[in-house]
Amino acid sequence: MTLKDRLITAINAGELGHKDKHGVFFTKKEFAAYFSDITERYTSAFLPAATIGEGRAWASHTKYLFRIGKGVYRVHPDMLEKKPEKQTGPDGFLSLLHKLITESDQH
């Protein structure tokens, strides 16, 4: 399971983060404590890499956090109650590729 999947699972299970009227937020310190099995160097790089740039509002598969203060992150609403993405094996990849080709042929 990827760190992103673990984060989403922990957020949706209520094990990490704090709910408010805008969604769920957590601190870098809480993140590091929760994922203490991951090296500090990796966790320090993970949060900035997953942060949606200033002035943007849309989440992607790699950008799904907002930095709302020094060391404080809010989870994009699209990630709430979302199940972790499953690893796509060769068959899953071919199915996805076929679906994309079929959809593009229809346009």
C-alpha atoms as a PDB file:
ATOM      1  CA  MET A   1       0.000   0.000   0.000  1.00  0.00           C
ATOM      2  CA  THR A   2       1.384   3.412  -0.933  1.00  0.00           C
ATOM      3  CA  LEU A   3       1.787   6.232   1.558  1.00  0.00           C
ATOM      4  CA  LYS A   4      -1.000   8.079  -0.248  1.00  0.00           C
ATOM      5  CA  ASP A   5      -3.311   5.072   0.226  1.00  0.00           C
ATOM      6  CA  ARG A   6      -2.332   4.804   3.871  1.00  0.00           C
ATOM      7  CA  LEU A   7      -2.986   8.526   4.371  1.00  0.00           C
ATOM      8  CA  ILE A   8      -6.411   8.370   2.721  1.00  0.00           C
ATOM      9  CA  THR A   9      -7.331   5.303   4.760  1.00  0.00           C
ATOM     10  CA  ALA A  10      -6.224   6.944   8.040  1.00  0.00           C
ATOM     11  CA  ILE A  11      -8.103  10.170   7.253  1.00  0.00           C
ATOM     12  CA  ASN A  12     -11.328   8.368   6.298  1.00  0.00           C
ATOM     13  CA  ALA A  13     -11.106   6.073   9.324  1.00  0.00           C
ATOM     14  CA  GLY A  14     -10.769   9.100  11.597  1.00  0.00           C
ATOM     15  CA  GLU A  15      -7.362   7.951  12.837  1.00  0.00           C
ATOM     16  CA  LEU A  16      -5.561  11.058  11.574  1.00  0.00           C
ATOM     17  CA  GLY A  17      -6.743  14.615  11.230  1.00  0.00           C
ATOM     18  CA  HIS A  18      -9.333  16.940  12.707  1.00  0.00           C
ATOM     19  CA  LYS A  19     -12.740  17.644  11.203  1.00  0.00           C
ATOM     20  CA  ASP A  20     -14.100  21.168  10.945  1.00  0.00           C
ATOM     21  CA  LYS A  21     -16.733  22.864   8.787  1.00  0.00           C
ATOM     22  CA  HIS A  22     -14.306  22.940   5.838  1.00  0.00           C
ATOM     23  CA  GLY A  23     -13.288  19.279   5.958  1.00  0.00           C
ATOM     24  CA  VAL A  24     -10.279  17.581   7.509  1.00  0.00           C
ATOM     25  CA  PHE A  25      -6.887  19.013   8.374  1.00  0.00           C
ATOM     26  CA  PHE A  26      -3.766  17.704  10.095  1.00  0.00           C
ATOM     27  CA  THR A  27      -0.344  18.960  11.100  1.00  0.00           C
ATOM     28  CA  LYS A  28       3.002  17.875   9.770  1.00  0.00           C
ATOM     29  CA  LYS A  29       3.909  16.784  13.295  1.00  0.00           C
ATOM     30  CA  GLU A  30       0.789  14.575  13.566  1.00  0.00           C
ATOM     31  CA  PHE A  31       1.519  13.131  10.126  1.00  0.00           C
ATOM     32  CA  ALA A  32       5.101  12.265  11.091  1.00  0.00           C
ATOM     33  CA  ALA A  33       3.975  10.696  14.378  1.00  0.00           C
ATOM     34  CA  TYR A  34       1.253   8.620  12.709  1.00  0.00           C
ATOM     35  CA  PHE A  35       3.633   7.396  10.007  1.00  0.00           C
ATOM     36  CA  SER A  36       6.568   6.856  12.346  1.00  0.00           C
ATOM     37  CA  ASP A  37       7.566   3.748  10.367  1.00  0.00           C
ATOM     38  CA  ILE A  38       8.476   5.992   7.416  1.00  0.00           C
ATOM     39  CA  THR A  39      11.759   7.903   7.452  1.00  0.00           C
ATOM     40  CA  GLU A  40      11.549  11.581   8.366  1.00  0.00           C
ATOM     41  CA  ARG A  41      13.316  12.484   5.138  1.00  0.00           C
ATOM     42  CA  TYR A  42      10.570  10.821   3.092  1.00  0.00           C
ATOM     43  CA  THR A  43       7.660  12.226   5.113  1.00  0.00           C
ATOM     44  CA  SER A  44       9.186  15.715   4.865  1.00  0.00           C
ATOM     45  CA  ALA A  45       9.243  15.448   1.075  1.00  0.00           C
ATOM     46  CA  PHE A  46       5.847  13.754   0.748  1.00  0.00           C
ATOM     47  CA  LEU A  47       3.630  16.572   2.010  1.00  0.00           C
ATOM     48  CA  PRO A  48       5.024  19.347  -0.224  1.00  0.00           C
ATOM     49  CA  ALA A  49       4.899  16.990  -3.217  1.00  0.00           C
ATOM     50  CA  ALA A  50       1.190  16.265  -2.575  1.00  0.00           C
ATOM     51  CA  THR A  51       0.266  19.928  -2.092  1.00  0.00           C
ATOM     52  CA  ILE A  52      -1.954  21.668  -4.633  1.00  0.00           C
ATOM     53  CA  GLY A  53      -0.328  24.861  -5.857  1.00  0.00           C
ATOM     54  CA  GLU A  54      -1.479  28.279  -4.730  1.00  0.00           C
ATOM     55  CA  GLY A  55      -4.450  29.560  -6.711  1.00  0.00           C
ATOM     56  CA  ARG A  56      -5.511  26.067  -7.765  1.00  0.00           C
ATOM     57  CA  ALA A  57      -8.537  24.151  -6.502  1.00  0.00           C
ATOM     58  CA  TRP A  58      -8.587  20.827  -8.348  1.00  0.00           C
ATOM     59  CA  ALA A  59      -7.143  17.614  -6.972  1.00  0.00           C
ATOM     60  CA  SER A  60      -5.222  15.125  -9.082  1.00  0.00           C
ATOM     61  CA  HIS A  61      -3.823  11.689  -8.393  1.00  0.00           C
ATOM     62  CA  THR A  62      -0.624  13.313  -7.071  1.00  0.00           C
ATOM     63  CA  LYS A  63      -1.916  16.643  -5.669  1.00  0.00           C
ATOM     64  CA  TYR A  64      -4.644  16.395  -3.038  1.00  0.00           C
ATOM     65  CA  LEU A  65      -3.581  18.534  -0.059  1.00  0.00           C
ATOM     66  CA  PHE A  66      -3.809  22.272   0.586  1.00  0.00           C
ATOM     67  CA  ARG A  67      -1.200  23.948   2.777  1.00  0.00           C
ATOM     68  CA  ILE A  68      -3.278  26.228   5.013  1.00  0.00           C
ATOM     69  CA  GLY A  69      -0.529  27.336   7.373  1.00  0.00           C
ATOM     70  CA  LYS A  70       2.991  26.528   8.410  1.00  0.00           C
ATOM     71  CA  GLY A  71       2.973  22.768   8.896  1.00  0.00           C
ATOM     72  CA  VAL A  72      -0.838  22.502   8.541  1.00  0.00           C
ATOM     73  CA  TYR A  73      -2.504  20.695   5.641  1.00  0.00           C
ATOM     74  CA  ARG A  74      -6.149  20.317   4.582  1.00  0.00           C
ATOM     75  CA  VAL A  75      -7.288  17.276   2.635  1.00  0.00           C
ATOM     76  CA  HIS A  76      -9.032  17.999  -0.671  1.00  0.00           C
ATOM     77  CA  PRO A  77     -12.758  17.120  -0.320  1.00  0.00           C
ATOM     78  CA  ASP A  78     -12.506  14.641  -3.201  1.00  0.00           C
ATOM     79  CA  MET A  79     -10.262  12.468  -1.020  1.00  0.00           C
ATOM     80  CA  LEU A  80     -12.730  12.249   1.849  1.00  0.00           C
ATOM     81  CA  GLU A  81     -14.521   8.916   2.012  1.00  0.00           C
ATOM     82  CA  LYS A  82     -12.492   7.843  -0.985  1.00  0.00           C
ATOM     83  CA  LYS A  83     -11.114   4.339  -0.947  1.00  0.00           C
ATOM     84  CA  PRO A  84      -7.421   3.819  -1.690  1.00  0.00           C
ATOM     85  CA  GLU A  85      -6.617   3.228  -5.338  1.00  0.00           C
ATOM     86  CA  LYS A  86      -5.942  -0.381  -6.156  1.00  0.00           C
ATOM     87  CA  GLN A  87      -2.731  -1.381  -7.839  1.00  0.00           C
ATOM     88  CA  THR A  88      -3.413  -2.011 -11.497  1.00  0.00           C
ATOM     89  CA  GLY A  89      -1.937  -5.243 -12.754  1.00  0.00           C
ATOM     90  CA  PRO A  90      -1.330  -6.075 -16.417  1.00  0.00           C
ATOM     91  CA  ASP A  91      -4.964  -7.068 -17.007  1.00  0.00           C
ATOM     92  CA  GLY A  92      -6.246  -3.939 -15.274  1.00  0.00           C
ATOM     93  CA  PHE A  93      -3.919  -1.780 -17.315  1.00  0.00           C
ATOM     94  CA  LEU A  94      -5.078  -3.336 -20.590  1.00  0.00           C
ATOM     95  CA  SER A  95      -8.732  -2.860 -19.607  1.00  0.00           C
ATOM     96  CA  LEU A  96      -8.077   0.789 -18.786  1.00  0.00           C
ATOM     97  CA  LEU A  97      -6.177   1.299 -22.043  1.00  0.00           C
ATOM     98  CA  HIS A  98      -8.999  -0.308 -24.027  1.00  0.00           C
ATOM     99  CA  LYS A  99     -11.571   1.905 -22.279  1.00  0.00           C
ATOM    100  CA  LEU A 100      -9.552   5.060 -23.046  1.00  0.00           C
ATOM    101  CA  ILE A 101      -9.128   4.097 -26.721  1.00  0.00           C
ATOM    102  CA  THR A 102     -12.817   3.279 -27.053  1.00  0.00           C
ATOM    103  CA  GLU A 103     -13.831   6.595 -25.452  1.00  0.00           C
ATOM    104  CA  SER A 104     -11.499   8.589 -27.702  1.00  0.00           C
ATOM    105  CA  ASP A 105     -12.857   6.838 -30.809  1.00  0.00           C
ATOM    106  CA  GLN A 106     -16.379   7.924 -29.867  1.00  0.00           C
ATOM    107  CA  HIS A 107     -15.430  11.623 -29.833  1.00  0.00           C
END
